Amino acid sequence: MIRQFAGTYRPMLEFIVVLIVVGLVVGLIARLLLPGRDDIGLLGTILLGIVGSFVGGFLWELVEFHRIETHHFRSVGIIGSVIGAIVVLLLLRVTGMERGRGRSRRRAWR
């Protein structure tokens, strides 16, 4: 039974490695293009790039085809991924969800 599935893990492993590398590159480019300090670390940068790629693909679907289809996966490319990562990073900064930047409930003394 194991021999039937032999060799099926390699394409999945290659996809995961490519996803991590592309996520790291896209996340680094987005962090370099947006000025300011972001304390999200290496794993956060990889996740930023991966999520940014999906956001960029979603935005491209809306711009190019004017509809949302969840059953098609289209690659946007590195530029769309970087734009999506910039959008995600801006949302993180606006909402204050970055690590080390939690919102304080105390009022400032005047």
Protein backbone atom coordinates (compact mmCIF):
# COMPACT_ATOMS: atom_id res chain seq x y z
CA MET A 1 0.00 0.00 0.00
CA ILE A 2 2.89 2.36 0.74
CA ARG A 3 4.48 1.64 -2.64
CA GLN A 4 1.37 2.91 -4.38
CA PHE A 5 2.01 6.44 -3.06
CA ALA A 6 5.79 6.39 -3.46
CA GLY A 7 7.10 9.59 -5.00
CA THR A 8 4.01 11.70 -4.39
CA TYR A 9 5.62 13.71 -1.60
CA ARG A 10 8.35 15.23 -3.76
CA PRO A 11 6.14 17.65 -5.76
CA MET A 12 4.42 18.77 -2.56
CA LEU A 13 7.78 19.34 -0.86
CA GLU A 14 9.03 21.31 -3.87
CA PHE A 15 5.86 23.44 -3.80
CA ILE A 16 6.34 24.20 -0.10
CA VAL A 17 10.00 25.16 -0.57
CA VAL A 18 9.16 27.41 -3.54
CA LEU A 19 6.30 28.96 -1.56
CA ILE A 20 8.63 29.76 1.34
CA VAL A 21 11.36 31.20 -0.90
CA VAL A 22 8.93 33.33 -2.91
CA GLY A 23 7.22 34.45 0.31
CA LEU A 24 10.59 35.51 1.75
CA VAL A 25 11.59 37.44 -1.38
CA VAL A 26 8.21 39.16 -1.73
CA GLY A 27 8.08 39.99 1.99
CA LEU A 28 11.60 41.46 1.93
CA ILE A 29 10.83 43.58 -1.13
CA ALA A 30 7.61 44.87 0.45
CA ARG A 31 9.40 45.73 3.70
CA LEU A 32 12.17 47.51 1.77
CA LEU A 33 9.70 49.57 -0.28
CA LEU A 34 7.68 50.69 2.75
CA PRO A 35 9.70 52.93 5.06
CA GLY A 36 9.53 52.34 8.77
CA ARG A 37 10.52 49.70 11.26
CA ASP A 38 8.59 46.43 11.38
CA ASP A 39 9.38 43.99 14.16
CA ILE A 40 7.87 40.91 12.53
CA GLY A 41 10.98 38.75 12.16
CA LEU A 42 11.90 36.24 9.47
CA LEU A 43 8.83 34.03 9.85
CA GLY A 44 6.60 37.09 9.77
CA THR A 45 8.32 38.27 6.59
CA ILE A 46 7.72 34.89 4.94
CA LEU A 47 4.06 34.89 6.01
CA LEU A 48 3.72 38.49 4.83
CA GLY A 49 4.96 37.48 1.38
CA ILE A 50 2.69 34.42 1.18
CA VAL A 51 -0.41 36.29 2.32
CA GLY A 52 0.54 39.22 0.09
CA SER A 53 0.68 36.88 -2.91
CA PHE A 54 -2.86 35.71 -2.23
CA VAL A 55 -4.10 39.27 -1.67
CA GLY A 56 -2.37 40.40 -4.87
CA GLY A 57 -4.03 37.56 -6.78
CA PHE A 58 -7.42 38.50 -5.35
CA LEU A 59 -6.96 42.15 -6.29
CA TRP A 60 -5.82 41.19 -9.78
CA GLU A 61 -8.94 39.07 -10.26
CA LEU A 62 -11.10 42.05 -9.35
CA VAL A 63 -9.21 44.45 -11.63
CA GLU A 64 -8.75 42.24 -14.68
CA PHE A 65 -11.86 40.07 -14.77
CA HIS A 66 -14.31 42.06 -12.61
CA ARG A 67 -15.52 38.93 -10.86
CA ILE A 68 -14.52 36.63 -8.07
CA GLU A 69 -14.02 32.97 -8.86
CA THR A 70 -12.81 30.77 -6.07
CA HIS A 71 -12.22 27.67 -8.19
CA HIS A 72 -9.50 29.19 -10.39
CA PHE A 73 -5.96 29.84 -9.23
CA ARG A 74 -4.06 32.40 -11.29
CA SER A 75 -0.52 33.44 -10.67
CA VAL A 76 -0.23 37.21 -10.59
CA GLY A 77 3.50 37.43 -10.70
CA ILE A 78 6.05 39.01 -8.45
CA ILE A 79 4.77 42.58 -8.93
CA GLY A 80 1.22 41.71 -7.92
CA SER A 81 2.55 39.74 -4.97
CA VAL A 82 4.61 42.71 -3.79
CA ILE A 83 1.62 45.04 -4.14
CA GLY A 84 -0.48 42.60 -2.13
CA ALA A 85 2.22 42.35 0.56
CA ILE A 86 2.40 46.16 0.76
CA VAL A 87 -1.37 46.27 1.26
CA VAL A 88 -1.15 43.66 4.02
CA LEU A 89 1.75 45.49 5.70
CA LEU A 90 -0.15 48.78 5.59
CA LEU A 91 -3.17 47.06 7.15
CA LEU A 92 -0.94 45.64 9.88
CA ARG A 93 0.43 49.09 10.64
CA VAL A 94 -2.96 50.79 10.65
CA THR A 95 -4.57 48.20 12.92
CA GLY A 96 -1.55 47.97 15.23
CA MET A 97 -1.40 44.18 14.94
CA GLU A 98 2.39 44.02 14.60
CA ARG A 99 4.34 42.25 17.30
CA GLY A 100 5.44 44.61 20.03
CA ARG A 101 2.96 47.30 19.07
CA GLY A 102 -0.11 46.27 21.00
CA ARG A 103 -2.64 48.93 21.74
CA SER A 104 -2.55 50.19 25.27
CA ARG A 105 -5.79 50.80 27.13
CA ARG A 106 -4.20 53.44 29.36
CA ARG A 107 -4.71 57.06 28.54
CA ALA A 108 -1.71 59.29 28.19
CA TRP A 109 -1.12 61.70 31.05
CA ARG A 110 -1.49 65.31 30.10
